[in-house]
């Protein structure tokens, strides 16, 4: 950790009376999590810039107020995925601009 960073290990009480650890103001850049269970974890005001997610499950996860600008999603199972209230400028699916797809869809459905 960089100077001035710390980890709060006091934690909070979980629903099953276990202590839920809290990591706050920590510098974990470059950390590697391998075969690690972070189910139910909450990431708030966190930078994951340039992070790599390989063979990761985000089943039933919620991404709210996130920036995916410049991100690449490859070999992904997007079944049941819902995107709402998003900016699609420059976004492509299989090389096709999403704004073009939406324009064509809206024109055809009129």
Protein backbone atom coordinates (compact mmCIF):
# COMPACT_ATOMS: atom_id res chain seq x y z
CA UNK A 1 0.00 0.00 0.00
CA UNK A 2 1.09 3.54 -0.64
CA UNK A 3 1.87 5.84 2.22
CA UNK A 4 -1.33 7.28 3.65
CA UNK A 5 -3.44 4.31 2.53
CA UNK A 6 -4.98 2.00 5.06
CA UNK A 7 -7.35 -0.88 5.35
CA UNK A 8 -10.17 -0.72 7.85
CA UNK A 9 -10.30 -4.24 9.24
CA UNK A 10 -12.90 -3.54 11.90
CA UNK A 11 -15.76 -4.38 9.54
CA UNK A 12 -19.49 -4.37 10.08
CA UNK A 13 -21.87 -6.98 11.41
CA UNK A 14 -23.25 -9.27 8.69
CA UNK A 15 -26.76 -10.79 8.69
CA UNK A 16 -25.41 -14.11 9.99
CA UNK A 17 -23.53 -12.33 12.84
CA UNK A 18 -20.21 -12.70 11.00
CA UNK A 19 -18.02 -9.66 10.58
CA UNK A 20 -18.01 -8.24 7.05
CA UNK A 21 -14.57 -6.71 6.40
CA UNK A 22 -14.39 -3.18 5.00
CA UNK A 23 -11.47 -2.06 2.86
CA UNK A 24 -11.40 1.72 2.62
CA UNK A 25 -8.94 4.20 1.11
CA UNK A 26 -6.64 1.31 0.13
CA UNK A 27 -4.30 1.24 -2.85
CA UNK A 28 -4.58 -2.25 -4.33
CA UNK A 29 -3.53 -1.34 -7.88
CA UNK A 30 -1.87 -4.26 -9.61
CA UNK A 31 -3.41 -6.76 -7.16
CA UNK A 32 -4.37 -10.18 -8.53
CA UNK A 33 -7.41 -12.06 -7.31
CA UNK A 34 -7.25 -15.71 -8.38
CA UNK A 35 -9.93 -18.24 -7.48
CA UNK A 36 -11.40 -15.66 -5.09
CA UNK A 37 -15.06 -15.44 -4.04
CA UNK A 38 -16.22 -11.82 -3.97
CA UNK A 39 -19.93 -12.74 -4.22
CA UNK A 40 -22.14 -10.02 -2.80
CA UNK A 41 -19.23 -7.56 -2.63
CA UNK A 42 -20.04 -3.87 -2.98
CA UNK A 43 -17.72 -1.60 -4.95
CA UNK A 44 -18.52 2.08 -4.43
CA UNK A 45 -16.42 4.96 -5.76
CA UNK A 46 -13.78 2.49 -6.97
CA UNK A 47 -11.41 2.76 -9.93
CA UNK A 48 -11.08 -0.42 -11.98
CA UNK A 49 -9.45 1.40 -14.92
CA UNK A 50 -7.45 -0.97 -17.11
CA UNK A 51 -8.56 -3.91 -14.95
CA UNK A 52 -8.83 -7.29 -16.65
CA UNK A 53 -11.65 -9.71 -15.97
CA UNK A 54 -10.96 -13.17 -17.40
CA UNK A 55 -13.30 -16.11 -16.73
CA UNK A 56 -15.37 -14.02 -14.29
CA UNK A 57 -19.04 -14.45 -13.42
CA UNK A 58 -21.14 -11.31 -13.12
CA UNK A 59 -24.41 -13.29 -12.93
CA UNK A 60 -27.16 -11.16 -11.37
CA UNK A 61 -24.74 -8.24 -10.85
CA UNK A 62 -25.76 -4.60 -11.01
CA UNK A 63 -23.66 -1.92 -12.67
CA UNK A 64 -25.02 1.55 -11.94
CA UNK A 65 -23.43 4.91 -12.78
CA UNK A 66 -20.43 3.21 -14.41
CA UNK A 67 -18.16 4.27 -17.24
CA UNK A 68 -17.39 1.56 -19.77
CA UNK A 69 -15.84 4.06 -22.20
CA UNK A 70 -13.25 2.31 -24.34
CA UNK A 71 -13.92 -1.07 -22.74
CA UNK A 72 -13.97 -4.28 -24.75
CA UNK A 73 -16.36 -7.11 -24.00
CA UNK A 74 -15.35 -10.30 -25.79
CA UNK A 75 -16.70 -13.85 -25.70
CA UNK A 76 -19.50 -12.78 -23.35
CA UNK A 77 -22.83 -14.40 -22.52
CA UNK A 78 -25.22 -11.44 -22.72
CA UNK A 79 -28.46 -13.43 -22.43
CA UNK A 80 -30.92 -11.52 -20.28
CA UNK A 81 -28.67 -8.44 -20.23
CA UNK A 82 -30.56 -5.15 -19.93
CA UNK A 83 -29.04 -1.74 -20.65
CA UNK A 84 -31.12 1.35 -19.82
CA UNK A 85 -30.43 5.08 -19.53
CA UNK A 86 -27.09 4.71 -21.34
CA UNK A 87 -25.02 6.73 -23.81
CA UNK A 88 -24.43 4.63 -26.94
CA UNK A 89 -22.23 7.02 -28.98
CA UNK A 90 -19.54 4.93 -30.69
CA UNK A 91 -20.78 1.67 -29.13
CA UNK A 92 -20.65 -1.28 -31.52
CA UNK A 93 -22.12 -4.76 -31.47
CA UNK A 94 -20.46 -7.13 -33.95
CA UNK A 95 -18.98 -4.03 -35.64
CA UNK A 96 -22.35 -2.27 -36.13
CA UNK A 97 -22.97 1.07 -34.44
CA UNK A 98 -25.71 0.66 -31.84
CA UNK A 99 -27.06 4.14 -32.67
CA UNK A 100 -27.61 2.94 -36.27
CA UNK A 101 -29.33 -0.23 -35.06
CA UNK A 102 -31.64 1.77 -32.78
CA UNK A 103 -32.43 4.30 -35.54
CA UNK A 104 -33.34 1.51 -37.97
CA UNK A 105 -35.41 -0.29 -35.34
CA UNK A 106 -37.31 2.88 -34.36
CA UNK A 107 -37.96 3.77 -38.01
CA UNK A 108 -39.28 0.26 -38.75
CA UNK A 109 -41.53 0.22 -35.70
CA UNK A 110 -43.32 3.49 -36.62
